[in-house]
């Protein structure tokens, strides 16, 4: 199960959700924060007809709360549309690749690889990531003080910069003409992904170039990432969503109380997850 075209606009620098909730009826992934906490989602489209950078911002909040979703991509191809801006695109405009290992190509093997997060997404260049010799989707369980070594490379058209990113943002960034590396002694749980960006080129069919891996997740003594600011962001998001649906949701007057109550119950089930993350991060 995955969410497509999750955000129509980028989030502002302060992380505010005011743009995300500006238009009442839309195709944004507004229930993602709840569904991810409840274990109902396997993936999120980072490349789509909507805002890629908005999707990336939303995506990064989740692994910083210990959640693990695969990066995927989707084009939205409507053969009945002749003109729809970027909302109808050639198949392959945005692509998700999944590493199958020694398995033969099949639908089942591809699905398994996506669920395991062995993916990269791109609208142009090819991107690689290794953390302590492991690729996207891997889970490393290390001890405090263990050595962490990460390396990313990018080849192909459109990329200008190459970054390693993690729980606190950009770890290291460099020119796309060479690889980027990071080495450090581990002090706390983290996650590391590789991201390549650029101004776009004819082969991307887009205004900008983006390639992004699923993270490598780095646990410490069995504990996952728990970041205070992201747990609070997710809790605030759920509060805003509840108010938003109460004000703008379309319900039959005769069943409004029950149906709105069903939705609120989903949010109530999700909140304890982020509250536990917050408590864990504060200890």
Protein backbone atom coordinates (compact mmCIF):
# COMPACT_ATOMS: atom_id res chain seq x y z
CA UNK A 1 0.00 0.00 0.00
CA UNK A 2 1.44 3.35 -1.01
CA UNK A 3 0.44 7.01 -1.15
CA UNK A 4 0.74 8.80 -4.50
CA UNK A 5 1.26 12.56 -5.25
CA UNK A 6 1.38 13.35 -1.49
CA UNK A 7 1.95 17.13 -1.59
CA UNK A 8 0.90 19.71 -4.16
CA UNK A 9 3.27 22.46 -2.96
CA UNK A 10 6.57 22.61 -1.05
CA UNK A 11 6.48 23.15 2.70
CA UNK A 12 7.86 26.53 3.85
CA UNK A 13 11.21 26.76 5.60
CA UNK A 14 9.56 26.78 9.02
CA UNK A 15 7.77 23.48 8.31
CA UNK A 16 4.33 25.04 8.67
CA UNK A 17 1.38 23.05 7.31
CA UNK A 18 -0.67 26.11 6.33
CA UNK A 19 -0.13 25.53 2.58
CA UNK A 20 -0.77 21.81 2.94
CA UNK A 21 -4.22 22.47 4.39
CA UNK A 22 -5.08 25.58 2.36
CA UNK A 23 -7.39 23.88 -0.17
CA UNK A 24 -10.15 21.77 1.41
CA UNK A 25 -10.64 19.27 -1.43
CA UNK A 26 -7.42 17.90 -2.92
CA UNK A 27 -5.45 14.70 -3.54
CA UNK A 28 -2.78 15.27 -0.89
CA UNK A 29 -1.74 12.44 1.45
CA UNK A 30 -3.42 14.00 4.48
CA UNK A 31 -3.97 10.78 6.39
CA UNK A 32 -0.40 9.56 5.80
CA UNK A 33 0.93 10.60 9.21
CA UNK A 34 -1.79 8.56 10.92
CA UNK A 35 -1.70 5.56 8.58
CA UNK A 36 2.09 5.28 8.77
CA UNK A 37 1.97 5.16 12.57
CA UNK A 38 -0.65 2.40 12.37
CA UNK A 39 1.49 0.27 10.03
CA UNK A 40 -0.91 0.60 7.09
CA UNK A 41 1.51 2.09 4.53
CA UNK A 42 4.49 0.52 2.76
CA UNK A 43 5.66 3.39 0.55
CA UNK A 44 5.38 7.03 -0.46
CA UNK A 45 5.83 8.52 -3.94
CA UNK A 46 8.64 11.09 -3.76
CA UNK A 47 8.48 11.75 -7.50
CA UNK A 48 4.99 12.43 -8.87
CA UNK A 49 2.96 14.97 -10.86
CA UNK A 50 2.78 17.11 -7.70
CA UNK A 51 5.53 18.73 -5.60
CA UNK A 52 8.55 16.44 -5.25
CA UNK A 53 10.13 18.68 -2.61
CA UNK A 54 6.89 18.76 -0.64
CA UNK A 55 6.85 14.97 -0.71
CA UNK A 56 10.49 14.76 0.40
CA UNK A 57 9.86 17.06 3.38
CA UNK A 58 6.86 15.01 4.46
CA UNK A 59 8.79 11.76 3.96
CA UNK A 60 11.75 12.83 6.09
CA UNK A 61 9.53 13.46 9.12
CA UNK A 62 8.62 9.75 9.31
CA UNK A 63 11.99 7.95 9.59
CA UNK A 64 12.94 10.54 12.21
CA UNK A 65 10.09 9.03 14.26
CA UNK A 66 11.36 5.49 13.67
CA UNK A 67 9.00 4.67 10.78
CA UNK A 68 10.19 2.83 7.68
CA UNK A 69 8.54 3.51 4.34
CA UNK A 70 9.99 2.78 0.93
CA UNK A 71 10.62 5.59 -1.54
CA UNK A 72 8.57 5.07 -4.71
CA UNK A 73 7.55 7.12 -7.76
CA UNK A 74 4.53 7.49 -10.03
CA UNK A 75 3.79 9.32 -13.27
CA UNK A 76 -0.03 9.40 -13.53
CA UNK A 77 -0.69 8.56 -17.17
CA UNK A 78 -4.20 9.39 -18.35
CA UNK A 79 -4.67 8.37 -21.96
CA UNK A 80 -7.90 10.39 -22.17
CA UNK A 81 -6.13 13.67 -21.31
CA UNK A 82 -4.43 15.72 -24.00
CA UNK A 83 -3.49 18.73 -21.87
CA UNK A 84 -3.17 18.56 -18.08
CA UNK A 85 0.07 20.31 -17.19
CA UNK A 86 2.24 17.66 -15.49
CA UNK A 87 -0.73 15.56 -14.37
CA UNK A 88 -0.52 13.25 -17.37
CA UNK A 89 2.93 12.03 -18.27
CA UNK A 90 4.63 9.37 -20.36
CA UNK A 91 5.18 6.05 -18.56
CA UNK A 92 8.67 6.12 -17.08
CA UNK A 93 8.74 9.88 -16.53
CA UNK A 94 9.36 9.19 -12.85
CA UNK A 95 10.75 5.76 -12.01
CA UNK A 96 11.16 3.50 -9.00
CA UNK A 97 13.85 0.80 -9.08
CA UNK A 98 13.87 -2.11 -6.64
CA UNK A 99 16.87 -4.36 -5.95
CA UNK A 100 15.86 -8.02 -6.27
CA UNK A 101 19.15 -9.60 -5.20
CA UNK A 102 19.40 -13.15 -6.53
CA UNK A 103 15.66 -13.46 -7.22
CA UNK A 104 14.35 -13.62 -10.77
CA UNK A 105 12.26 -10.72 -11.99
CA UNK A 106 8.62 -11.23 -11.07
CA UNK A 107 5.74 -9.21 -9.66
CA UNK A 108 6.10 -11.01 -6.33
CA UNK A 109 9.85 -10.34 -6.11
CA UNK A 110 9.37 -6.68 -7.05
CA UNK A 111 6.66 -6.23 -4.39
CA UNK A 112 8.84 -7.88 -1.76
CA UNK A 113 11.78 -5.62 -2.61
CA UNK A 114 9.61 -2.50 -2.36
CA UNK A 115 8.20 -3.54 1.01
CA UNK A 116 11.77 -4.09 2.18
CA UNK A 117 12.71 -0.58 1.01
CA UNK A 118 15.42 -1.69 -1.42
CA UNK A 119 14.52 1.17 -3.74
CA UNK A 120 15.69 4.34 -5.42
CA UNK A 121 13.52 6.81 -7.32
CA UNK A 122 14.66 9.12 -10.11
CA UNK A 123 13.50 11.29 -13.00
CA UNK A 124 16.97 11.26 -14.53
CA UNK A 125 20.27 10.13 -12.96
CA UNK A 126 21.26 6.84 -11.37
CA UNK A 127 21.95 6.99 -7.62
CA UNK A 128 23.72 4.58 -5.25
CA UNK A 129 24.03 4.45 -1.46
CA UNK A 130 26.10 2.28 0.86
CA UNK A 131 26.21 2.53 4.64
CA UNK A 132 28.67 0.12 6.27
CA UNK A 133 28.45 -1.86 3.04
CA UNK A 134 24.64 -2.09 3.05
CA UNK A 135 22.18 -0.57 0.58
CA UNK A 136 18.79 1.18 0.82
CA UNK A 137 16.28 -0.43 3.16
CA UNK A 138 18.90 -2.17 5.28
CA UNK A 139 18.65 -2.04 9.06
CA UNK A 140 21.92 -1.83 11.00
CA UNK A 141 21.92 -2.52 14.73
CA UNK A 142 25.10 -1.02 16.13
CA UNK A 143 26.51 -0.09 19.52
CA UNK A 144 27.47 3.41 20.72
CA UNK A 145 30.91 4.25 19.39
CA UNK A 146 30.71 1.89 16.41
CA UNK A 147 32.08 3.27 13.18
CA UNK A 148 29.62 4.50 10.56
CA UNK A 149 30.76 4.87 6.95
CA UNK A 150 28.42 6.13 4.22
CA UNK A 151 29.02 6.72 0.53
CA UNK A 152 26.79 7.93 -2.32
CA UNK A 153 27.39 8.27 -6.06
CA UNK A 154 25.33 9.66 -8.92
CA UNK A 155 25.72 9.17 -12.68
CA UNK A 156 23.67 10.28 -15.64
CA UNK A 157 21.90 13.47 -16.71
CA UNK A 158 20.63 16.43 -14.77
CA UNK A 159 22.23 16.21 -11.33
CA UNK A 160 24.15 19.21 -9.97
CA UNK A 161 24.47 18.30 -6.27
CA UNK A 162 24.73 15.07 -4.32
CA UNK A 163 23.90 14.82 -0.61
CA UNK A 164 23.77 12.41 2.27
CA UNK A 165 20.83 13.32 4.51
CA UNK A 166 19.67 12.05 7.88
CA UNK A 167 17.64 12.78 10.99
CA UNK A 168 18.98 16.32 11.38
CA UNK A 169 19.00 17.25 7.69
CA UNK A 170 21.96 17.41 5.30
CA UNK A 171 24.97 15.50 6.61
CA UNK A 172 27.32 16.25 3.73
CA UNK A 173 26.82 17.74 0.27
CA UNK A 174 29.06 17.95 -2.75
CA UNK A 175 29.22 18.38 -6.48
CA UNK A 176 27.55 15.64 -8.50
CA UNK A 177 30.74 15.02 -10.44
CA UNK A 178 32.24 13.06 -7.52
CA UNK A 179 30.98 10.82 -4.75
CA UNK A 180 30.22 12.05 -1.23
CA UNK A 181 31.37 10.26 1.91
CA UNK A 182 30.75 10.47 5.63
CA UNK A 183 32.54 8.75 8.50
CA UNK A 184 31.86 9.12 12.22
CA UNK A 185 31.65 7.28 15.49
CA UNK A 186 28.00 6.47 16.18
CA UNK A 187 26.41 8.23 19.16
CA UNK A 188 22.65 7.84 18.60
CA UNK A 189 20.17 6.14 16.24
CA UNK A 190 19.87 7.71 12.83
CA UNK A 191 18.92 7.10 9.22
CA UNK A 192 20.87 7.96 6.10
CA UNK A 193 19.62 8.47 2.54
CA UNK A 194 21.22 9.76 -0.65
CA UNK A 195 19.67 12.62 -2.65
CA UNK A 196 20.70 14.13 -6.00
CA UNK A 197 19.21 17.37 -7.31
CA UNK A 198 19.61 19.55 -10.37
CA UNK A 199 18.02 22.15 -12.58
CA UNK A 200 16.57 19.62 -15.00
CA UNK A 201 17.39 18.64 -18.55
CA UNK A 202 15.41 17.51 -21.61
CA UNK A 203 15.67 13.83 -20.68
CA UNK A 204 13.94 14.37 -17.31
CA UNK A 205 10.72 15.85 -18.81
CA UNK A 206 10.60 18.01 -15.70
CA UNK A 207 11.63 21.43 -14.42
CA UNK A 208 14.05 19.90 -11.93
CA UNK A 209 16.02 16.73 -11.40
CA UNK A 210 15.56 14.56 -8.33
CA UNK A 211 16.84 11.15 -7.30
CA UNK A 212 16.34 9.78 -3.79
CA UNK A 213 17.01 6.47 -2.06
CA UNK A 214 15.09 4.79 0.69
CA UNK A 215 17.20 5.26 3.84
CA UNK A 216 19.51 2.84 5.55
CA UNK A 217 18.20 2.70 9.12
CA UNK A 218 20.79 2.72 11.90
CA UNK A 219 19.55 1.49 15.28
CA UNK A 220 21.63 1.67 18.46
CA UNK A 221 21.28 -1.23 20.89
CA UNK A 222 17.96 -2.07 19.27
CA UNK A 223 16.52 1.46 19.56
CA UNK A 224 15.15 3.35 16.56
CA UNK A 225 15.39 7.05 15.78
CA UNK A 226 13.27 9.28 18.02
CA UNK A 227 13.56 13.00 17.24
CA UNK A 228 11.66 15.47 19.43
CA UNK A 229 10.94 18.10 16.78
CA UNK A 230 9.53 15.56 14.31
CA UNK A 231 7.37 13.77 16.87
CA UNK A 232 5.88 17.13 17.88
CA UNK A 233 5.40 18.07 14.22
CA UNK A 234 3.46 14.85 13.60
CA UNK A 235 1.29 15.34 16.71
CA UNK A 236 0.53 18.92 15.67
CA UNK A 237 -0.25 17.66 12.17
CA UNK A 238 -2.84 15.21 13.53
CA UNK A 239 -4.46 17.95 15.62
CA UNK A 240 -4.66 20.24 12.57
CA UNK A 241 -6.08 17.42 10.45
CA UNK A 242 -8.83 16.68 12.98
CA UNK A 243 -9.90 20.34 13.04
CA UNK A 244 -9.66 20.55 9.25
CA UNK A 245 -11.90 17.54 8.63
CA UNK A 246 -14.38 18.74 11.22
CA UNK A 247 -14.66 22.09 9.42
CA UNK A 248 -14.50 20.97 5.77
CA UNK A 249 -15.50 17.31 5.68
CA UNK A 250 -18.63 16.41 3.69
CA UNK A 251 -20.95 14.23 5.77
CA UNK A 252 -24.58 13.27 5.53
CA UNK A 253 -26.26 15.20 8.36
CA UNK A 254 -27.96 12.04 9.59
CA UNK A 255 -24.67 10.12 9.93
CA UNK A 256 -22.14 12.95 10.49
CA UNK A 257 -21.52 12.12 14.12
CA UNK A 258 -20.76 8.45 13.45
CA UNK A 259 -18.68 8.96 10.30
CA UNK A 260 -16.66 11.87 11.67
CA UNK A 261 -16.22 9.80 14.83
CA UNK A 262 -14.79 6.93 12.74
CA UNK A 263 -12.18 9.29 11.30
CA UNK A 264 -11.31 10.83 14.67
CA UNK A 265 -10.89 7.30 16.06
CA UNK A 266 -8.13 6.65 13.50
CA UNK A 267 -6.29 9.76 14.68
CA UNK A 268 -6.75 8.72 18.30
CA UNK A 269 -5.16 5.36 17.52
CA UNK A 270 -2.17 7.07 15.85
CA UNK A 271 -1.41 9.72 18.49
CA UNK A 272 0.00 7.32 21.12
CA UNK A 273 2.68 6.20 18.67
CA UNK A 274 4.10 9.73 18.33
CA UNK A 275 3.65 10.39 22.02
CA UNK A 276 5.82 7.33 22.75
CA UNK A 277 8.42 8.60 20.27
CA UNK A 278 8.43 11.98 22.01
CA UNK A 279 8.80 10.42 25.44
CA UNK A 280 11.60 8.17 24.21
CA UNK A 281 13.45 11.12 22.67
CA UNK A 282 13.20 13.15 25.86
CA UNK A 283 14.63 10.43 28.08
